[in-house]
Protein backbone atom coordinates (compact mmCIF):
# COMPACT_ATOMS: atom_id res chain seq x y z
CA MET A 1 -0.02 -0.05 -0.11
CA PRO A 2 1.62 3.31 -0.95
CA LEU A 3 2.61 6.00 1.69
CA LEU A 4 0.61 8.90 -0.09
CA SER A 5 -2.43 8.53 -2.23
CA ASP A 6 -2.40 9.97 -5.89
CA VAL A 7 -4.29 13.18 -4.94
CA TRP A 8 -1.52 13.90 -2.10
CA LEU A 9 1.36 13.04 -4.64
CA GLU A 10 -0.34 15.56 -7.25
CA ILE A 11 -0.84 18.30 -4.29
CA LEU A 12 2.84 17.92 -3.22
CA SER A 13 3.96 18.17 -6.87
CA GLU A 14 2.19 21.38 -7.33
CA LEU A 15 3.38 22.70 -4.04
CA PHE A 16 7.10 22.33 -4.86
CA VAL A 17 6.52 23.80 -8.49
CA ASN A 18 5.04 26.79 -6.66
CA LEU A 19 7.94 26.88 -4.17
CA ALA A 20 10.53 26.60 -7.08
CA ALA A 21 8.82 29.68 -8.71
CA ALA A 22 8.99 31.51 -5.37
CA TRP A 23 12.77 30.86 -5.06
CA PHE A 24 13.30 31.69 -8.69
CA ALA A 25 11.35 35.09 -7.94
CA ILE A 26 13.65 35.67 -5.12
CA VAL A 27 16.76 35.19 -7.12
CA PHE A 28 15.83 37.45 -9.96
CA ILE A 29 13.99 40.16 -8.15
CA GLU A 30 16.08 40.51 -4.89
CA PRO A 31 19.34 41.74 -6.79
CA LEU A 32 16.99 44.68 -8.18
CA THR A 33 15.83 45.94 -4.90
CA ARG A 34 19.21 45.74 -3.14
CA ILE A 35 22.60 45.69 -4.54
CA VAL A 36 24.49 42.44 -3.57
CA GLN A 37 28.21 43.23 -3.35
CA SER A 38 29.46 40.99 -0.50
CA PRO A 39 30.41 37.34 -1.11
CA GLU A 40 27.78 36.47 1.63
CA GLY A 41 25.12 38.03 -0.48
CA VAL A 42 26.35 36.20 -3.55
CA PHE A 43 26.39 32.93 -1.63
CA ILE A 44 22.84 33.31 -0.55
CA LEU A 45 21.51 34.23 -3.93
CA THR A 46 23.32 30.96 -5.13
CA LEU A 47 21.76 29.04 -2.32
CA LYS A 48 18.53 30.24 -3.22
CA PHE A 49 19.15 29.30 -6.96
CA ILE A 50 19.97 25.66 -5.90
CA LEU A 51 16.86 25.51 -3.76
CA GLY A 52 14.61 26.38 -6.58
CA ILE A 53 16.28 23.72 -8.97
CA LEU A 54 16.04 21.10 -6.03
CA SER A 55 12.29 21.89 -5.75
CA LEU A 56 11.75 21.29 -9.38
CA VAL A 57 13.71 18.10 -9.20
CA ILE A 58 11.31 16.95 -6.25
CA ALA A 59 8.28 17.98 -8.17
CA LYS A 60 9.36 16.10 -11.30
CA ASN A 61 10.08 12.81 -9.13
CA LEU A 62 6.66 13.04 -7.55
CA ARG A 63 4.92 13.56 -10.92
CA GLU A 64 7.01 10.58 -12.32
CA GLU A 65 5.95 8.49 -9.34
CA LEU A 66 2.35 9.62 -10.05
CA LYS A 67 2.56 8.39 -13.73
CA LYS A 68 3.79 5.04 -12.58
CA ARG A 69 0.79 4.03 -10.57
């Protein structure tokens, strides 16, 4: 018996897609509102970009799991 039903897999997948969109929006909008000059600022932007990609990967894996069922 699967841990999550198909409906919950779809909901989680959509959640991670929206989360990725939010991370990418932060990455592209934040530098416009404040100048990122310090190495820490660049590191934080890079981390946010990586989190966006990770969210998309999780969403893709959830959708592939949903299609297998």
